[in-house]
Protein backbone atom coordinates (compact mmCIF):
# COMPACT_ATOMS: atom_id res chain seq x y z
CA MET A 1 15.43 -2.90 -7.54
CA SER A 2 12.05 -3.19 -6.52
CA THR A 3 10.31 -1.88 -3.48
CA THR A 4 10.51 -5.41 -2.05
CA GLY A 5 14.17 -5.86 -2.66
CA LEU A 6 14.89 -2.40 -1.13
CA LEU A 7 12.83 -3.58 2.16
CA ARG A 8 15.00 -6.58 2.09
CA THR A 9 18.30 -4.55 1.87
CA LEU A 10 17.23 -2.26 4.56
CA THR A 11 16.52 -5.10 6.73
CA ASN A 12 19.93 -6.24 6.42
CA SER A 13 21.60 -2.80 6.96
CA LEU A 14 19.72 -2.59 10.32
CA ARG A 15 20.67 -6.33 11.40
CA PRO A 16 23.51 -5.32 13.50
CA CYS A 17 20.84 -2.38 15.60
CA LEU A 18 18.86 -5.46 16.76
CA ASN A 19 18.94 -8.26 19.38
CA THR A 20 16.49 -10.80 21.15
CA ASP A 21 15.39 -8.22 23.17
CA SER A 22 13.97 -6.01 20.54
CA GLU A 23 10.14 -5.70 19.31
CA MET A 24 8.76 -4.90 16.23
CA ILE A 25 5.23 -4.12 15.19
CA VAL A 26 3.71 -4.97 11.72
CA SER A 27 0.22 -3.83 10.24
CA VAL A 28 -1.51 -6.80 9.14
CA LEU A 29 -3.11 -4.42 6.18
CA CYS A 30 0.46 -4.37 4.79
CA HIS A 31 0.88 -5.82 1.01
CA GLU A 32 2.89 -8.85 1.76
CA ALA A 33 5.82 -7.14 0.21
CA GLY A 34 5.51 -4.44 2.55
CA MET A 35 6.11 -7.23 5.57
CA THR A 36 7.93 -10.09 4.27
CA ALA A 37 11.26 -8.68 4.73
CA TRP A 38 10.51 -7.86 8.29
CA VAL A 39 8.96 -11.26 9.17
CA ALA A 40 12.50 -13.08 7.88
CA LEU A 41 14.55 -10.64 9.76
CA ALA A 42 12.38 -11.15 12.98
CA LYS A 43 12.60 -14.66 12.44
CA ASP A 44 16.53 -14.89 11.55
CA LEU A 45 17.08 -12.81 14.93
CA GLY A 46 14.87 -14.43 17.08
CA ILE A 47 13.00 -10.81 17.13
CA SER A 48 9.21 -10.73 19.03
CA ILE A 49 6.71 -9.46 16.28
CA LYS A 50 3.05 -7.85 17.65
CA TRP A 51 0.71 -7.60 14.80
CA TRP A 52 -0.94 -4.21 14.64
CA ALA A 53 -4.60 -5.24 13.52
CA PRO A 54 -7.28 -2.63 12.81
CA ASP A 55 -9.74 -1.94 15.09
CA GLY A 56 -12.86 -3.87 14.74
CA ARG A 57 -13.50 -7.42 14.60
CA MET A 58 -11.40 -9.61 12.72
CA GLY A 59 -12.60 -12.22 10.03
CA SER A 60 -15.45 -9.69 9.30
CA ASN A 61 -14.22 -6.27 9.31
CA HIS A 62 -15.22 -4.63 5.74
CA ASP A 63 -13.73 -1.20 6.91
CA PRO A 64 -10.31 -1.56 8.67
CA LYS A 65 -8.50 1.23 9.41
CA LEU A 66 -5.09 1.47 11.73
CA THR A 67 -5.37 3.59 14.73
CA LEU A 68 -3.42 5.26 17.27
CA GLU A 69 -5.91 3.56 20.12
CA SER A 70 -4.83 0.09 18.29
CA LEU A 71 -1.59 0.82 18.23
CA ARG A 72 -0.70 2.44 21.57
CA PRO A 73 -0.83 -0.54 23.71
CA LEU A 74 1.65 -2.40 21.40
CA LEU A 75 4.06 -0.19 21.91
CA SER A 76 6.70 -0.89 25.15
CA SER A 77 10.31 0.24 25.84
CA LYS A 78 11.53 -2.43 23.49
CA THR A 79 9.69 -1.43 20.52
CA ARG A 80 12.72 -0.50 17.65
CA LEU A 81 10.73 -0.42 14.40
CA VAL A 82 6.89 -0.17 13.57
CA CYS A 83 6.01 -0.79 9.78
CA CYS A 84 2.81 0.03 7.95
CA ASN A 85 1.31 1.32 4.70
CA HIS A 86 0.37 4.52 3.73
CA VAL A 87 -2.72 3.19 1.83
CA SER A 88 -3.92 0.12 1.87
CA ASN A 89 -4.04 -1.62 -1.76
CA ILE A 90 -7.05 -3.48 -0.77
CA THR A 91 -9.45 -0.63 0.70
CA GLY A 92 -7.53 2.41 -0.38
CA THR A 93 -7.91 4.20 2.66
CA ILE A 94 -5.39 6.66 3.79
CA GLU A 95 -3.74 5.64 7.32
CA PRO A 96 -2.60 8.67 9.73
CA ILE A 97 1.28 8.16 9.15
CA ARG A 98 1.83 11.44 10.68
CA GLU A 99 0.24 11.25 14.01
CA ILE A 100 0.88 7.62 13.77
CA ALA A 101 4.80 8.50 13.38
CA GLU A 102 4.57 10.98 16.17
CA LEU A 103 3.32 8.27 18.48
CA VAL A 104 6.05 6.06 17.65
CA HIS A 105 8.67 8.56 18.26
CA THR A 106 7.56 8.98 21.92
CA ILE A 107 9.26 5.35 22.35
CA PRO A 108 13.06 5.99 22.38
CA GLU A 109 14.89 4.11 19.68
CA ALA A 110 12.06 3.22 17.85
CA LEU A 111 11.80 3.70 14.18
CA ILE A 112 8.97 3.61 11.78
CA CYS A 113 9.10 2.59 7.84
CA VAL A 114 5.96 3.09 5.44
CA ASP A 115 5.22 1.79 2.31
CA GLY A 116 3.90 4.02 0.20
CA VAL A 117 3.10 2.00 -2.96
CA ALA A 118 -0.48 2.56 -2.92
CA TRP A 119 0.00 5.83 -2.27
CA ALA A 120 2.19 7.01 -4.68
CA PRO A 121 0.21 7.12 -8.01
CA HIS A 122 -2.44 9.56 -6.22
CA ARG A 123 -0.66 12.00 -3.80
CA PRO A 124 2.74 13.73 -3.49
CA ILE A 125 5.00 12.33 -0.74
CA ASP A 126 6.26 14.47 1.46
CA VAL A 127 8.65 12.62 4.15
CA LYS A 128 9.17 15.99 6.32
CA TYR A 129 5.51 16.71 7.09
CA LEU A 130 4.60 12.88 7.93
CA ASN A 131 8.10 12.87 9.87
CA ILE A 132 8.78 9.21 9.15
CA ASP A 133 12.05 7.39 9.27
CA PHE A 134 11.78 5.15 6.21
CA TYR A 135 9.60 5.50 3.18
CA VAL A 136 9.49 2.96 0.09
CA PHE A 137 7.60 3.26 -2.97
CA SER A 138 8.03 1.97 -6.61
CA TRP A 139 8.11 4.38 -9.69
CA TYR A 140 6.43 1.88 -12.05
CA LYS A 141 3.07 2.44 -9.75
CA VAL A 142 3.97 6.14 -10.89
CA PHE A 143 3.20 5.62 -14.56
CA GLY A 144 7.19 5.35 -14.81
CA PRO A 145 9.82 2.79 -15.12
CA HIS A 146 10.16 -0.18 -13.13
CA ILE A 147 12.35 0.53 -10.16
CA ALA A 148 11.86 1.61 -6.43
CA GLN A 149 12.90 4.09 -4.30
CA ILE A 150 13.65 4.23 -0.46
CA TYR A 151 13.95 7.16 2.03
CA ALA A 152 15.96 7.16 4.88
CA ARG A 153 16.18 10.36 7.38
CA ARG A 154 19.50 11.34 7.36
CA ARG A 155 19.93 10.82 11.47
CA VAL A 156 18.61 7.57 11.04
CA GLN A 157 21.16 6.68 8.22
CA GLN A 158 24.25 7.60 10.27
CA ARG A 159 22.87 5.88 13.48
CA TYR A 160 21.34 2.91 12.53
CA LEU A 161 22.31 1.75 8.86
CA SER A 162 25.37 -0.14 8.47
CA SER A 163 26.54 0.50 4.80
CA LEU A 164 26.36 -2.79 2.57
CA ASN A 165 28.72 -1.75 0.14
CA HIS A 166 32.59 -1.92 -0.41
CA TYR A 167 34.49 -0.82 2.74
CA PHE A 168 36.44 1.93 0.82
CA PHE A 169 33.06 3.53 -0.39
CA ASP A 170 32.29 6.84 1.82
CA PRO A 171 28.67 5.57 3.11
CA SER A 172 27.54 9.24 3.69
CA ALA A 173 25.00 9.12 0.49
CA LEU A 174 22.34 6.29 1.20
CA SER A 175 22.70 5.09 -2.40
CA VAL A 176 26.24 4.20 -1.27
CA ARG A 177 25.37 2.79 1.86
CA LEU A 178 22.06 0.35 0.79
CA GLY A 179 23.51 0.34 -2.83
CA LEU A 180 24.66 -2.77 -4.14
CA GLY A 181 26.85 -2.53 -7.22
CA ASN A 182 25.66 -0.31 -10.04
CA SER A 183 22.11 0.88 -10.71
CA CYS A 184 20.43 1.17 -14.23
CA ILE A 185 21.09 4.33 -15.23
CA GLU A 186 18.57 3.85 -18.18
CA LEU A 187 15.49 3.71 -15.44
CA GLU A 188 16.71 6.36 -13.25
CA HIS A 189 16.50 8.79 -16.45
CA GLY A 190 13.06 7.84 -16.70
CA VAL A 191 11.91 8.95 -13.65
CA LEU A 192 12.42 12.71 -13.85
CA PRO A 193 10.08 13.20 -16.97
CA ILE A 194 7.40 11.32 -14.39
CA ILE A 195 8.05 14.17 -11.84
CA ASN A 196 7.39 16.91 -14.24
CA TRP A 197 4.49 15.59 -15.52
CA LEU A 198 2.70 15.11 -12.68
CA ARG A 199 4.03 18.40 -10.90
CA LYS A 200 3.60 20.63 -13.75
CA GLU A 201 1.39 19.55 -16.68
CA VAL A 202 -1.30 17.35 -14.36
CA GLY A 203 -0.72 18.96 -11.11
CA TRP A 204 -1.62 16.67 -7.70
CA ASP A 205 -4.40 18.98 -6.56
CA ALA A 206 -6.13 18.00 -10.04
CA ILE A 207 -5.55 14.46 -9.95
CA ALA A 208 -7.10 14.44 -6.15
CA ALA A 209 -10.22 16.24 -7.35
CA HIS A 210 -10.64 14.20 -10.45
CA GLU A 211 -9.94 11.14 -8.84
CA GLU A 212 -12.65 11.99 -6.26
CA LEU A 213 -14.90 12.66 -9.04
CA ILE A 214 -14.61 9.35 -10.87
CA THR A 215 -14.50 7.14 -7.50
CA ASP A 216 -17.82 8.93 -6.62
CA HIS A 217 -19.08 7.82 -10.16
CA LEU A 218 -18.08 4.12 -9.12
CA LEU A 219 -19.33 3.85 -5.33
CA GLU A 220 -22.43 5.31 -5.86
CA TYR A 221 -23.18 2.38 -8.45
CA LEU A 222 -22.02 -0.19 -5.99
CA THR A 223 -23.66 1.34 -2.98
CA ASN A 224 -26.99 1.82 -4.64
CA ASN A 225 -27.28 -1.88 -4.85
CA PRO A 226 -26.46 -3.41 -1.84
CA ASP A 227 -28.22 -6.97 -3.15
CA LEU A 228 -25.48 -7.33 -5.61
CA TYR A 229 -22.49 -5.75 -4.33
CA THR A 230 -20.43 -5.77 -0.69
CA VAL A 231 -18.00 -2.77 -0.93
CA TYR A 232 -14.58 -3.03 1.46
CA GLY A 233 -13.20 0.01 2.66
CA SER A 234 -14.81 3.47 2.98
CA GLN A 235 -18.16 4.32 0.96
CA THR A 236 -16.94 7.96 0.56
CA ALA A 237 -14.99 9.46 -2.12
CA ASP A 238 -13.63 12.18 0.03
CA SER A 239 -10.05 12.61 -1.31
CA ALA A 240 -8.76 13.07 2.04
CA LYS A 241 -10.08 9.87 3.17
CA ARG A 242 -9.33 7.32 0.53
CA VAL A 243 -7.60 6.82 -2.82
CA SER A 244 -9.30 5.51 -5.91
CA LEU A 245 -8.88 2.09 -5.37
CA ILE A 246 -12.04 0.33 -4.92
CA SER A 247 -12.41 -3.22 -3.66
CA PHE A 248 -16.11 -5.27 -3.72
CA SER A 249 -17.12 -8.75 -4.12
CA VAL A 250 -20.45 -9.42 -5.85
CA ASN A 251 -23.10 -10.92 -3.72
CA GLY A 252 -22.85 -14.97 -4.52
CA LEU A 253 -20.68 -14.87 -7.32
CA ALA A 254 -16.73 -15.69 -7.15
CA SER A 255 -14.50 -13.16 -8.13
CA ASP A 256 -12.40 -14.63 -10.39
CA CYS A 257 -15.52 -15.96 -12.29
CA VAL A 258 -16.71 -12.06 -12.35
CA ALA A 259 -13.30 -11.06 -13.78
CA LYS A 260 -13.13 -13.74 -16.00
CA GLU A 261 -16.54 -13.00 -17.86
CA ILE A 262 -15.58 -9.17 -17.70
CA HIS A 263 -12.12 -9.82 -19.48
CA GLU A 264 -13.63 -12.38 -22.17
CA THR A 265 -16.42 -9.93 -22.93
CA SER A 266 -15.19 -6.59 -23.01
CA ASN A 267 -11.81 -4.36 -22.68
CA CYS A 268 -12.12 -3.57 -18.85
CA ARG A 269 -9.82 -5.18 -16.98
CA LEU A 270 -9.80 -5.49 -13.13
CA ILE A 271 -7.94 -7.58 -10.68
CA SER A 272 -9.21 -10.36 -8.58
CA GLY A 273 -7.98 -12.19 -5.69
CA ASP A 274 -5.97 -10.92 -2.78
CA CYS A 275 -4.11 -8.54 -4.40
CA TRP A 276 -0.82 -9.93 -2.41
CA SER A 277 -2.35 -8.77 0.88
CA PRO A 278 -3.86 -12.02 2.23
CA ARG A 279 -3.42 -11.32 5.38
CA THR A 280 -5.76 -8.50 4.96
CA VAL A 281 -8.52 -9.92 2.25
CA HIS A 282 -8.54 -12.99 4.44
CA ASP A 283 -7.70 -12.72 8.07
CA VAL A 284 -9.27 -9.29 8.47
CA ILE A 285 -12.14 -9.34 6.20
CA GLY A 286 -12.84 -12.97 6.24
CA LEU A 287 -13.06 -13.52 2.29
CA PRO A 288 -12.49 -17.17 0.99
CA ASP A 289 -9.97 -17.91 -1.59
CA TYR A 290 -11.54 -16.13 -4.29
CA GLY A 291 -11.15 -12.41 -2.55
CA VAL A 292 -12.30 -9.22 -4.26
CA LEU A 293 -12.59 -7.77 -7.26
CA ARG A 294 -10.24 -4.23 -7.15
CA ALA A 295 -11.14 -1.47 -9.68
CA SER A 296 -7.78 0.64 -9.75
CA LEU A 297 -8.64 3.95 -10.87
CA VAL A 298 -6.15 6.92 -11.80
CA HIS A 299 -6.35 10.39 -12.97
CA TYR A 300 -6.22 9.67 -16.79
CA ASN A 301 -9.69 7.65 -16.46
CA THR A 302 -12.37 9.59 -17.58
CA VAL A 303 -16.26 9.82 -16.47
CA GLU A 304 -17.23 8.37 -19.30
CA GLU A 305 -14.97 5.18 -19.15
CA ILE A 306 -16.18 4.65 -15.19
CA ARG A 307 -19.96 4.80 -16.81
CA GLY A 308 -18.81 2.29 -19.66
CA PHE A 309 -17.07 0.04 -16.85
CA ILE A 310 -20.35 0.24 -14.77
CA ASN A 311 -22.58 -1.00 -17.50
CA VAL A 312 -19.96 -3.63 -18.51
CA LEU A 313 -19.98 -4.89 -14.50
CA HIS A 314 -23.55 -4.84 -14.24
CA ASP A 315 -24.33 -6.75 -17.56
CA SER A 316 -21.59 -9.23 -16.44
CA VAL A 317 -23.39 -9.81 -13.19
CA LEU A 318 -26.55 -10.04 -14.64
CA ARG A 319 -25.32 -12.61 -17.29
CA LEU A 320 -23.94 -14.73 -14.43
CA LYS A 321 -26.30 -14.83 -12.36
CA ASN A 322 -29.13 -15.82 -15.03
CA ALA A 323 -26.84 -18.65 -16.02
CA GLY A 324 -26.71 -20.08 -12.33
CA THR A 325 -23.03 -19.40 -12.20
C-alpha cells in the first residue's frame, strides 16, 4: 500500500474518535497526498480545519517554514489532530518536528501525524526522539520497493485506533488493526536489504555530509546568478536545516520549457510543475501554473555529476533566452 493509501486507512480507523466538535490543523506545506485523506475526513464528519500557514506573506513567500509561533494561535481545547510534513518536498526545509510535537501535546487529546516521505531518503527516522503519534513514509523513496510504512505510538493505537480487520483477529498489532487483507510478502522482503545497506554500508552521517557537499555546489551556482534564477527555500546547504531537494525557477522562462529542453538535449532529469504540492507552489510561493524546477539530489550523485548538470542547465537556459522562448 502507498503512503496515500495508509493515510486513508488511518483516517478510517480514527473516525469513531472524532465528531463535529473536533478541530484539525493541517499544514499548507504538505504534499497533497499528506493532506487529502484528512481533508476528506473533515468534510465527511463536519470537522473544522484550520490551515497552518508559514510565517511571511502568502503568495510571495520564497522561504516558507513552519514555526511554533504560527501554530500556537491555531491550537485550542478542541484540537484533536495536527498534520504536517517533516520536510517540504518543494523547498527541502527541515521542520522542527520534536518542538512541534511538544507544543501539540500540551493540548489534552491532541495527536500529531507527520508525513516523512521527503525526509526518509536523506536522514534516519527516530520516532521516539521526535515524540510523534503517527509517522508515514514510502519505501520506494528510500531506494526500495513500492510500499509504504506507518508508525503509530502504542498507547495511541490502543486508545484511539479502531480495528478495520476481521472481528476474530487480535488487534493488538498495528499490522492487524490497520491491515486489510494480505500484504505483499515479496515487496516486504525487499525492505531489509535497503535498511542494512543504508545503515551499515553507506551510513547516515556520510549521507548527510555528502549531500551537503553536492547541495552546496548547486546552490552556489544558482545564488551566484540572481539575474537568471530564483531559489525557493533556504539558500544554505547546511544539512541541519535542509535536505538535498532544490527548487528554483528561471527568470523569464516557463519551468516546463526549461525541463523539456534539458530532457531533450542531455541525460539529466529534473521535475517541473507543482510536484503534487499545489498549495505550496501556488498559494504560498505564488508561482503560476508552470511552477518550479526541482533537482532531487541524493547520496549516490557525485560532485562531477552536479557540475555536469550545472553546465547542462546553464547552456539550456542561455539557448532558450537567445531563442526568445
